[in-house]
């Protein structure tokens, strides 16, 4: 993660597996950073320090995760090939 104010690396998280990370990154106002890793997991990190907070093995993530609100709940979605996965954050 690069601090946008200073341009310096704030933290690093290595991704192991075929092809490294996948799809792209999503950051939220709640200070989560979500990304696919090389092991077929969708991972949510604490954006301030990179600590993994949650993951789900869904397969190789093929797009940047996205978020949306519906009926007062926030959802996180990511695609793996021809599937779209949705997770309720709150």
PDB file of N, CA and C in Angstrom:
ATOM      1  N   UNK A   1       0.857  -1.158   0.000  1.00  0.00           N
ATOM      2  CA  UNK A   1       0.000   0.000   0.000  1.00  0.00           C
ATOM      3  C   UNK A   1       0.908   1.227   0.000  1.00  0.00           C
ATOM      4  N   UNK A   2       0.584   2.161  -0.850  1.00  0.00           N
ATOM      5  CA  UNK A   2       1.357   3.392  -0.954  1.00  0.00           C
ATOM      6  C   UNK A   2       0.549   4.535  -0.347  1.00  0.00           C
ATOM      7  N   UNK A   3       1.184   5.295   0.523  1.00  0.00           N
ATOM      8  CA  UNK A   3       0.556   6.469   1.108  1.00  0.00           C
ATOM      9  C   UNK A   3       0.438   7.527   0.021  1.00  0.00           C
ATOM     10  N   UNK A   4      -0.788   7.883  -0.337  1.00  0.00           N
ATOM     11  CA  UNK A   4      -0.987   8.820  -1.447  1.00  0.00           C
ATOM     12  C   UNK A   4      -0.477  10.218  -1.133  1.00  0.00           C
ATOM     13  N   UNK A   5      -0.342  10.572   0.148  1.00  0.00           N
ATOM     14  CA  UNK A   5       0.137  11.900   0.506  1.00  0.00           C
ATOM     15  C   UNK A   5       1.658  12.025   0.378  1.00  0.00           C
ATOM     16  N   UNK A   6       2.360  10.924   0.696  1.00  0.00           N
ATOM     17  CA  UNK A   6       3.825  10.975   0.689  1.00  0.00           C
ATOM     18  C   UNK A   6       4.455  10.225  -0.484  1.00  0.00           C
ATOM     19  N   UNK A   7       3.711   9.301  -1.087  1.00  0.00           N
ATOM     20  CA  UNK A   7       4.258   8.478  -2.156  1.00  0.00           C
ATOM     21  C   UNK A   7       5.138   7.347  -1.650  1.00  0.00           C
ATOM     22  N   UNK A   8       5.211   7.165  -0.319  1.00  0.00           N
ATOM     23  CA  UNK A   8       6.044   6.111   0.266  1.00  0.00           C
ATOM     24  C   UNK A   8       5.206   4.866   0.550  1.00  0.00           C
ATOM     25  N   UNK A   9       5.883   3.721   0.519  1.00  0.00           N
ATOM     26  CA  UNK A   9       5.211   2.451   0.807  1.00  0.00           C
ATOM     27  C   UNK A   9       4.864   2.412   2.290  1.00  0.00           C
ATOM     28  N   UNK A  10       3.580   2.230   2.603  1.00  0.00           N
ATOM     29  CA  UNK A  10       3.115   2.167   3.994  1.00  0.00           C
ATOM     30  C   UNK A  10       3.204   0.734   4.523  1.00  0.00           C
ATOM     31  N   UNK A  11       2.883  -0.259   3.675  1.00  0.00           N
ATOM     32  CA  UNK A  11       3.009  -1.666   4.029  1.00  0.00           C
ATOM     33  C   UNK A  11       2.989  -2.513   2.766  1.00  0.00           C
ATOM     34  N   UNK A  12       3.470  -3.735   2.916  1.00  0.00           N
ATOM     35  CA  UNK A  12       3.494  -4.688   1.801  1.00  0.00           C
ATOM     36  C   UNK A  12       2.884  -6.000   2.263  1.00  0.00           C
ATOM     37  N   UNK A  13       2.242  -6.684   1.348  1.00  0.00           N
ATOM     38  CA  UNK A  13       1.686  -8.010   1.624  1.00  0.00           C
ATOM     39  C   UNK A  13       2.007  -8.879   0.420  1.00  0.00           C
ATOM     40  N   UNK A  14       2.887  -9.873   0.575  1.00  0.00           N
ATOM     41  CA  UNK A  14       3.193 -10.743  -0.569  1.00  0.00           C
ATOM     42  C   UNK A  14       2.015 -11.663  -0.884  1.00  0.00           C
ATOM     43  N   UNK A  15       1.768 -11.889  -2.158  1.00  0.00           N
ATOM     44  CA  UNK A  15       0.755 -12.830  -2.604  1.00  0.00           C
ATOM     45  C   UNK A  15       1.461 -13.978  -3.286  1.00  0.00           C
ATOM     46  N   UNK A  16       1.198 -15.178  -2.809  1.00  0.00           N
ATOM     47  CA  UNK A  16       1.815 -16.368  -3.361  1.00  0.00           C
ATOM     48  C   UNK A  16       0.810 -17.118  -4.206  1.00  0.00           C
ATOM     49  N   UNK A  17       1.310 -17.913  -5.118  1.00  0.00           N
ATOM     50  CA  UNK A  17       0.436 -18.709  -5.972  1.00  0.00           C
ATOM     51  C   UNK A  17       0.636 -18.316  -7.420  1.00  0.00           C
ATOM     52  N   UNK A  18      -0.175 -18.896  -8.254  1.00  0.00           N
ATOM     53  CA  UNK A  18      -0.064 -18.675  -9.691  1.00  0.00           C
ATOM     54  C   UNK A  18      -0.475 -17.256 -10.035  1.00  0.00           C
ATOM     55  N   UNK A  19       0.424 -16.498 -10.611  1.00  0.00           N
ATOM     56  CA  UNK A  19       0.098 -15.173 -11.116  1.00  0.00           C
ATOM     57  C   UNK A  19      -0.038 -14.067 -10.083  1.00  0.00           C
ATOM     58  N   UNK A  20       0.330 -14.303  -8.831  1.00  0.00           N
ATOM     59  CA  UNK A  20       0.214 -13.247  -7.819  1.00  0.00           C
ATOM     60  C   UNK A  20      -1.227 -12.906  -7.535  1.00  0.00           C
ATOM     61  N   UNK A  21      -1.483 -11.636  -7.207  1.00  0.00           N
ATOM     62  CA  UNK A  21      -2.845 -11.189  -6.907  1.00  0.00           C
ATOM     63  C   UNK A  21      -3.687 -11.170  -8.167  1.00  0.00           C
ATOM     64  N   UNK A  22      -4.976 -10.944  -7.992  1.00  0.00           N
ATOM     65  CA  UNK A  22      -5.824 -10.981  -9.170  1.00  0.00           C
ATOM     66  C   UNK A  22      -6.885  -9.914  -9.171  1.00  0.00           C
ATOM     67  N   UNK A  23      -7.156  -9.397 -10.347  1.00  0.00           N
ATOM     68  CA  UNK A  23      -8.322  -8.559 -10.556  1.00  0.00           C
ATOM     69  C   UNK A  23      -8.191  -7.098 -10.254  1.00  0.00           C
ATOM     70  N   UNK A  24      -7.542  -6.721  -9.211  1.00  0.00           N
ATOM     71  CA  UNK A  24      -7.449  -5.325  -8.816  1.00  0.00           C
ATOM     72  C   UNK A  24      -7.792  -5.143  -7.349  1.00  0.00           C
ATOM     73  N   UNK A  25      -7.880  -3.900  -6.931  1.00  0.00           N
ATOM     74  CA  UNK A  25      -8.084  -3.559  -5.522  1.00  0.00           C
ATOM     75  C   UNK A  25      -9.342  -2.727  -5.338  1.00  0.00           C
ATOM     76  N   UNK A  26      -9.903  -2.811  -4.140  1.00  0.00           N
ATOM     77  CA  UNK A  26     -11.007  -1.952  -3.731  1.00  0.00           C
ATOM     78  C   UNK A  26     -10.719  -1.476  -2.319  1.00  0.00           C
ATOM     79  N   UNK A  27     -10.801  -0.185  -2.084  1.00  0.00           N
ATOM     80  CA  UNK A  27     -10.730   0.342  -0.725  1.00  0.00           C
ATOM     81  C   UNK A  27     -12.072   0.975  -0.390  1.00  0.00           C
ATOM     82  N   UNK A  28     -12.431   0.921   0.892  1.00  0.00           N
ATOM     83  CA  UNK A  28     -13.714   1.449   1.333  1.00  0.00           C
ATOM     84  C   UNK A  28     -13.501   2.551   2.363  1.00  0.00           C
ATOM     85  N   UNK A  29     -14.547   3.323   2.607  1.00  0.00           N
ATOM     86  CA  UNK A  29     -14.493   4.365   3.630  1.00  0.00           C
ATOM     87  C   UNK A  29     -14.293   3.761   5.019  1.00  0.00           C
ATOM     88  N   UNK A  30     -14.664   2.494   5.183  1.00  0.00           N
ATOM     89  CA  UNK A  30     -14.468   1.796   6.449  1.00  0.00           C
ATOM     90  C   UNK A  30     -13.067   1.257   6.628  1.00  0.00           C
ATOM     91  N   UNK A  31     -12.140   1.659   5.765  1.00  0.00           N
ATOM     92  CA  UNK A  31     -10.723   1.308   5.836  1.00  0.00           C
ATOM     93  C   UNK A  31     -10.457  -0.173   5.611  1.00  0.00           C
ATOM     94  N   UNK A  32     -11.204  -0.757   4.662  1.00  0.00           N
ATOM     95  CA  UNK A  32     -10.920  -2.110   4.205  1.00  0.00           C
ATOM     96  C   UNK A  32     -10.306  -2.030   2.817  1.00  0.00           C
ATOM     97  N   UNK A  33      -9.365  -2.911   2.558  1.00  0.00           N
ATOM     98  CA  UNK A  33      -8.794  -3.054   1.226  1.00  0.00           C
ATOM     99  C   UNK A  33      -9.051  -4.491   0.812  1.00  0.00           C
ATOM    100  N   UNK A  34      -9.767  -4.694  -0.279  1.00  0.00           N
ATOM    101  CA  UNK A  34     -10.114  -6.036  -0.738  1.00  0.00           C
ATOM    102  C   UNK A  34      -9.400  -6.333  -2.046  1.00  0.00           C
ATOM    103  N   UNK A  35      -8.966  -7.589  -2.179  1.00  0.00           N
ATOM    104  CA  UNK A  35      -8.254  -8.019  -3.379  1.00  0.00           C
ATOM    105  C   UNK A  35      -8.288  -9.536  -3.470  1.00  0.00           C
ATOM    106  N   UNK A  36      -8.080 -10.045  -4.669  1.00  0.00           N
ATOM    107  CA  UNK A  36      -7.884 -11.470  -4.858  1.00  0.00           C
ATOM    108  C   UNK A  36      -6.408 -11.792  -4.701  1.00  0.00           C
ATOM    109  N   UNK A  37      -6.095 -12.957  -4.110  1.00  0.00           N
ATOM    110  CA  UNK A  37      -4.688 -13.359  -4.010  1.00  0.00           C
ATOM    111  C   UNK A  37      -4.406 -14.486  -4.995  1.00  0.00           C
ATOM    112  N   UNK A  38      -3.177 -14.887  -5.114  1.00  0.00           N
ATOM    113  CA  UNK A  38      -2.790 -15.922  -6.068  1.00  0.00           C
ATOM    114  C   UNK A  38      -3.253 -17.315  -5.698  1.00  0.00           C
ATOM    115  N   UNK A  39      -3.771 -17.485  -4.471  1.00  0.00           N
ATOM    116  CA  UNK A  39      -4.232 -18.789  -4.013  1.00  0.00           C
ATOM    117  C   UNK A  39      -5.716 -19.020  -4.192  1.00  0.00           C
ATOM    118  N   UNK A  40      -6.411 -18.118  -4.879  1.00  0.00           N
ATOM    119  CA  UNK A  40      -7.833 -18.294  -5.115  1.00  0.00           C
ATOM    120  C   UNK A  40      -8.724 -17.765  -4.004  1.00  0.00           C
ATOM    121  N   UNK A  41      -8.214 -16.830  -3.212  1.00  0.00           N
ATOM    122  CA  UNK A  41      -8.982 -16.247  -2.116  1.00  0.00           C
ATOM    123  C   UNK A  41      -9.333 -14.798  -2.403  1.00  0.00           C
ATOM    124  N   UNK A  42     -10.500 -14.385  -1.948  1.00  0.00           N
ATOM    125  CA  UNK A  42     -10.844 -12.971  -1.856  1.00  0.00           C
ATOM    126  C   UNK A  42     -10.496 -12.575  -0.434  1.00  0.00           C
ATOM    127  N   UNK A  43      -9.648 -11.558  -0.272  1.00  0.00           N
ATOM    128  CA  UNK A  43      -9.129 -11.194   1.045  1.00  0.00           C
ATOM    129  C   UNK A  43      -9.465  -9.741   1.360  1.00  0.00           C
ATOM    130  N   UNK A  44      -9.917  -9.497   2.589  1.00  0.00           N
ATOM    131  CA  UNK A  44     -10.130  -8.132   3.083  1.00  0.00           C
ATOM    132  C   UNK A  44      -9.033  -7.834   4.094  1.00  0.00           C
ATOM    133  N   UNK A  45      -8.329  -6.727   3.875  1.00  0.00           N
ATOM    134  CA  UNK A  45      -7.233  -6.304   4.737  1.00  0.00           C
ATOM    135  C   UNK A  45      -7.604  -5.026   5.474  1.00  0.00           C
ATOM    136  N   UNK A  46      -6.991  -4.812   6.628  1.00  0.00           N
ATOM    137  CA  UNK A  46      -7.046  -3.510   7.279  1.00  0.00           C
ATOM    138  C   UNK A  46      -6.185  -2.590   6.432  1.00  0.00           C
ATOM    139  N   UNK A  47      -6.779  -1.550   5.866  1.00  0.00           N
ATOM    140  CA  UNK A  47      -6.044  -0.677   4.940  1.00  0.00           C
ATOM    141  C   UNK A  47      -4.914   0.081   5.619  1.00  0.00           C
ATOM    142  N   UNK A  48      -4.965   0.253   6.929  1.00  0.00           N
ATOM    143  CA  UNK A  48      -3.918   1.025   7.604  1.00  0.00           C
ATOM    144  C   UNK A  48      -2.640   0.235   7.831  1.00  0.00           C
ATOM    145  N   UNK A  49      -2.736  -1.109   7.984  1.00  0.00           N
ATOM    146  CA  UNK A  49      -1.523  -1.874   8.282  1.00  0.00           C
ATOM    147  C   UNK A  49      -1.368  -3.158   7.457  1.00  0.00           C
ATOM    148  N   UNK A  50      -2.353  -3.507   6.637  1.00  0.00           N
ATOM    149  CA  UNK A  50      -2.265  -4.674   5.777  1.00  0.00           C
ATOM    150  C   UNK A  50      -2.650  -5.991   6.417  1.00  0.00           C
ATOM    151  N   UNK A  51      -3.036  -5.971   7.680  1.00  0.00           N
ATOM    152  CA  UNK A  51      -3.397  -7.213   8.363  1.00  0.00           C
ATOM    153  C   UNK A  51      -4.633  -7.833   7.708  1.00  0.00           C
ATOM    154  N   UNK A  52      -4.558  -9.123   7.323  1.00  0.00           N
ATOM    155  CA  UNK A  52      -5.735  -9.781   6.766  1.00  0.00           C
ATOM    156  C   UNK A  52      -6.819  -9.915   7.843  1.00  0.00           C
ATOM    157  N   UNK A  53      -8.046  -9.512   7.512  1.00  0.00           N
ATOM    158  CA  UNK A  53      -9.145  -9.570   8.463  1.00  0.00           C
ATOM    159  C   UNK A  53     -10.129 -10.689   8.139  1.00  0.00           C
ATOM    160  N   UNK A  54     -10.226 -11.052   6.861  1.00  0.00           N
ATOM    161  CA  UNK A  54     -11.211 -12.029   6.415  1.00  0.00           C
ATOM    162  C   UNK A  54     -10.785 -12.541   5.051  1.00  0.00           C
ATOM    163  N   UNK A  55     -11.116 -13.790   4.752  1.00  0.00           N
ATOM    164  CA  UNK A  55     -10.908 -14.308   3.395  1.00  0.00           C
ATOM    165  C   UNK A  55     -11.916 -15.412   3.101  1.00  0.00           C
ATOM    166  N   UNK A  56     -12.128 -15.636   1.822  1.00  0.00           N
ATOM    167  CA  UNK A  56     -12.991 -16.717   1.365  1.00  0.00           C
ATOM    168  C   UNK A  56     -12.378 -17.295   0.091  1.00  0.00           C
ATOM    169  N   UNK A  57     -12.252 -18.587   0.059  1.00  0.00           N
ATOM    170  CA  UNK A  57     -11.675 -19.259  -1.117  1.00  0.00           C
ATOM    171  C   UNK A  57     -12.762 -19.405  -2.168  1.00  0.00           C
ATOM    172  N   UNK A  58     -12.750 -18.526  -3.138  1.00  0.00           N
ATOM    173  CA  UNK A  58     -13.781 -18.526  -4.178  1.00  0.00           C
ATOM    174  C   UNK A  58     -13.220 -18.859  -5.553  1.00  0.00           C
ATOM    175  N   UNK A  59     -11.912 -18.939  -5.676  1.00  0.00           N
ATOM    176  CA  UNK A  59     -11.279 -19.159  -6.977  1.00  0.00           C
ATOM    177  C   UNK A  59     -10.565 -17.889  -7.420  1.00  0.00           C
ATOM    178  N   UNK A  60      -9.924 -17.952  -8.576  1.00  0.00           N
ATOM    179  CA  UNK A  60      -9.147 -16.804  -9.066  1.00  0.00           C
ATOM    180  C   UNK A  60     -10.064 -15.624  -9.376  1.00  0.00           C
ATOM    181  N   UNK A  61      -9.869 -14.536  -8.644  1.00  0.00           N
ATOM    182  CA  UNK A  61     -10.670 -13.325  -8.827  1.00  0.00           C
ATOM    183  C   UNK A  61     -10.251 -12.662 -10.132  1.00  0.00           C
ATOM    184  N   UNK A  62     -11.249 -12.368 -10.999  1.00  0.00           N
ATOM    185  CA  UNK A  62     -10.949 -11.872 -12.340  1.00  0.00           C
ATOM    186  C   UNK A  62     -11.298 -10.402 -12.545  1.00  0.00           C
ATOM    187  N   UNK A  63     -11.784  -9.744 -11.506  1.00  0.00           N
ATOM    188  CA  UNK A  63     -12.078  -8.311 -11.611  1.00  0.00           C
ATOM    189  C   UNK A  63     -11.761  -7.656 -10.281  1.00  0.00           C
ATOM    190  N   UNK A  64     -11.676  -6.339 -10.287  1.00  0.00           N
ATOM    191  CA  UNK A  64     -11.527  -5.633  -9.012  1.00  0.00           C
ATOM    192  C   UNK A  64     -12.822  -5.797  -8.229  1.00  0.00           C
ATOM    193  N   UNK A  65     -12.754  -6.138  -6.939  1.00  0.00           N
ATOM    194  CA  UNK A  65     -13.971  -6.217  -6.145  1.00  0.00           C
ATOM    195  C   UNK A  65     -14.731  -4.887  -6.195  1.00  0.00           C
ATOM    196  N   UNK A  66     -16.032  -4.966  -6.026  1.00  0.00           N
ATOM    197  CA  UNK A  66     -16.889  -3.784  -6.031  1.00  0.00           C
ATOM    198  C   UNK A  66     -17.814  -3.851  -4.825  1.00  0.00           C
ATOM    199  N   UNK A  67     -18.384  -2.716  -4.462  1.00  0.00           N
ATOM    200  CA  UNK A  67     -19.315  -2.679  -3.343  1.00  0.00           C
ATOM    201  C   UNK A  67     -20.560  -1.909  -3.749  1.00  0.00           C
ATOM    202  N   UNK A  68     -21.674  -2.279  -3.123  1.00  0.00           N
ATOM    203  CA  UNK A  68     -22.930  -1.570  -3.376  1.00  0.00           C
ATOM    204  C   UNK A  68     -23.814  -1.663  -2.134  1.00  0.00           C
ATOM    205  N   UNK A  69     -24.782  -0.764  -2.045  1.00  0.00           N
ATOM    206  CA  UNK A  69     -25.759  -0.745  -0.956  1.00  0.00           C
ATOM    207  C   UNK A  69     -27.103  -1.199  -1.497  1.00  0.00           C
ATOM    208  N   UNK A  70     -27.834  -1.994  -0.685  1.00  0.00           N
ATOM    209  CA  UNK A  70     -29.177  -2.426  -1.045  1.00  0.00           C
ATOM    210  C   UNK A  70     -29.957  -2.660   0.241  1.00  0.00           C
ATOM    211  N   UNK A  71     -31.072  -1.979   0.378  1.00  0.00           N
ATOM    212  CA  UNK A  71     -31.946  -2.147   1.547  1.00  0.00           C
ATOM    213  C   UNK A  71     -31.198  -1.974   2.871  1.00  0.00           C
ATOM    214  N   UNK A  72     -30.310  -0.998   2.927  1.00  0.00           N
ATOM    215  CA  UNK A  72     -29.588  -0.701   4.164  1.00  0.00           C
ATOM    216  C   UNK A  72     -28.417  -1.608   4.470  1.00  0.00           C
ATOM    217  N   UNK A  73     -28.045  -2.493   3.547  1.00  0.00           N
ATOM    218  CA  UNK A  73     -26.901  -3.386   3.740  1.00  0.00           C
ATOM    219  C   UNK A  73     -25.853  -3.107   2.673  1.00  0.00           C
ATOM    220  N   UNK A  74     -24.577  -3.240   3.065  1.00  0.00           N
ATOM    221  CA  UNK A  74     -23.490  -3.071   2.115  1.00  0.00           C
ATOM    222  C   UNK A  74     -22.996  -4.451   1.695  1.00  0.00           C
ATOM    223  N   UNK A  75     -22.805  -4.636   0.396  1.00  0.00           N
ATOM    224  CA  UNK A  75     -22.348  -5.894  -0.168  1.00  0.00           C
ATOM    225  C   UNK A  75     -21.021  -5.696  -0.887  1.00  0.00           C
ATOM    226  N   UNK A  76     -20.220  -6.744  -0.875  1.00  0.00           N
ATOM    227  CA  UNK A  76     -18.961  -6.795  -1.617  1.00  0.00           C
ATOM    228  C   UNK A  76     -19.128  -7.874  -2.672  1.00  0.00           C
ATOM    229  N   UNK A  77     -18.825  -7.566  -3.937  1.00  0.00           N
ATOM    230  CA  UNK A  77     -18.928  -8.565  -4.995  1.00  0.00           C
ATOM    231  C   UNK A  77     -17.594  -8.707  -5.723  1.00  0.00           C
ATOM    232  N   UNK A  78     -17.357  -9.915  -6.228  1.00  0.00           N
ATOM    233  CA  UNK A  78     -16.168 -10.196  -7.026  1.00  0.00           C
ATOM    234  C   UNK A  78     -16.515 -11.328  -7.986  1.00  0.00           C
ATOM    235  N   UNK A  79     -15.871 -11.348  -9.128  1.00  0.00           N
ATOM    236  CA  UNK A  79     -16.118 -12.378 -10.135  1.00  0.00           C
ATOM    237  C   UNK A  79     -14.960 -13.358 -10.189  1.00  0.00           C
ATOM    238  N   UNK A  80     -15.315 -14.618 -10.478  1.00  0.00           N
ATOM    239  CA  UNK A  80     -14.333 -15.671 -10.749  1.00  0.00           C
ATOM    240  C   UNK A  80     -14.824 -16.386 -12.004  1.00  0.00           C
ATOM    241  N   UNK A  81     -14.187 -16.101 -13.117  1.00  0.00           N
ATOM    242  CA  UNK A  81     -14.622 -16.712 -14.373  1.00  0.00           C
ATOM    243  C   UNK A  81     -16.036 -16.290 -14.724  1.00  0.00           C
ATOM    244  N   UNK A  82     -16.975 -17.246 -14.773  1.00  0.00           N
ATOM    245  CA  UNK A  82     -18.353 -16.933 -15.139  1.00  0.00           C
ATOM    246  C   UNK A  82     -19.284 -16.832 -13.928  1.00  0.00           C
ATOM    247  N   UNK A  83     -18.727 -16.666 -12.720  1.00  0.00           N
ATOM    248  CA  UNK A  83     -19.520 -16.537 -11.498  1.00  0.00           C
ATOM    249  C   UNK A  83     -19.286 -15.184 -10.841  1.00  0.00           C
ATOM    250  N   UNK A  84     -20.333 -14.669 -10.217  1.00  0.00           N
ATOM    251  CA  UNK A  84     -20.216 -13.461  -9.404  1.00  0.00           C
ATOM    252  C   UNK A  84     -20.576 -13.835  -7.969  1.00  0.00           C
ATOM    253  N   UNK A  85     -19.691 -13.520  -7.037  1.00  0.00           N
ATOM    254  CA  UNK A  85     -19.872 -13.821  -5.628  1.00  0.00           C
ATOM    255  C   UNK A  85     -20.269 -12.528  -4.905  1.00  0.00           C
ATOM    256  N   UNK A  86     -21.184 -12.635  -3.963  1.00  0.00           N
ATOM    257  CA  UNK A  86     -21.643 -11.484  -3.202  1.00  0.00           C
ATOM    258  C   UNK A  86     -21.574 -11.817  -1.714  1.00  0.00           C
ATOM    259  N   UNK A  87     -21.019 -10.886  -0.938  1.00  0.00           N
ATOM    260  CA  UNK A  87     -20.886 -11.054   0.504  1.00  0.00           C
ATOM    261  C   UNK A  87     -21.466  -9.821   1.184  1.00  0.00           C
ATOM    262  N   UNK A  88     -22.317 -10.024   2.182  1.00  0.00           N
ATOM    263  CA  UNK A  88     -22.886  -8.891   2.924  1.00  0.00           C
ATOM    264  C   UNK A  88     -21.875  -8.454   3.991  1.00  0.00           C
ATOM    265  N   UNK A  89     -21.483  -7.184   3.950  1.00  0.00           N
ATOM    266  CA  UNK A  89     -20.555  -6.648   4.938  1.00  0.00           C
ATOM    267  C   UNK A  89     -21.277  -6.227   6.210  1.00  0.00           C
ATOM    268  N   UNK A  90     -22.415  -5.609   6.069  1.00  0.00           N
ATOM    269  CA  UNK A  90     -23.272  -5.261   7.225  1.00  0.00           C
ATOM    270  C   UNK A  90     -24.671  -5.030   6.776  1.00  0.00           C
TER     271      UNK A  90
END
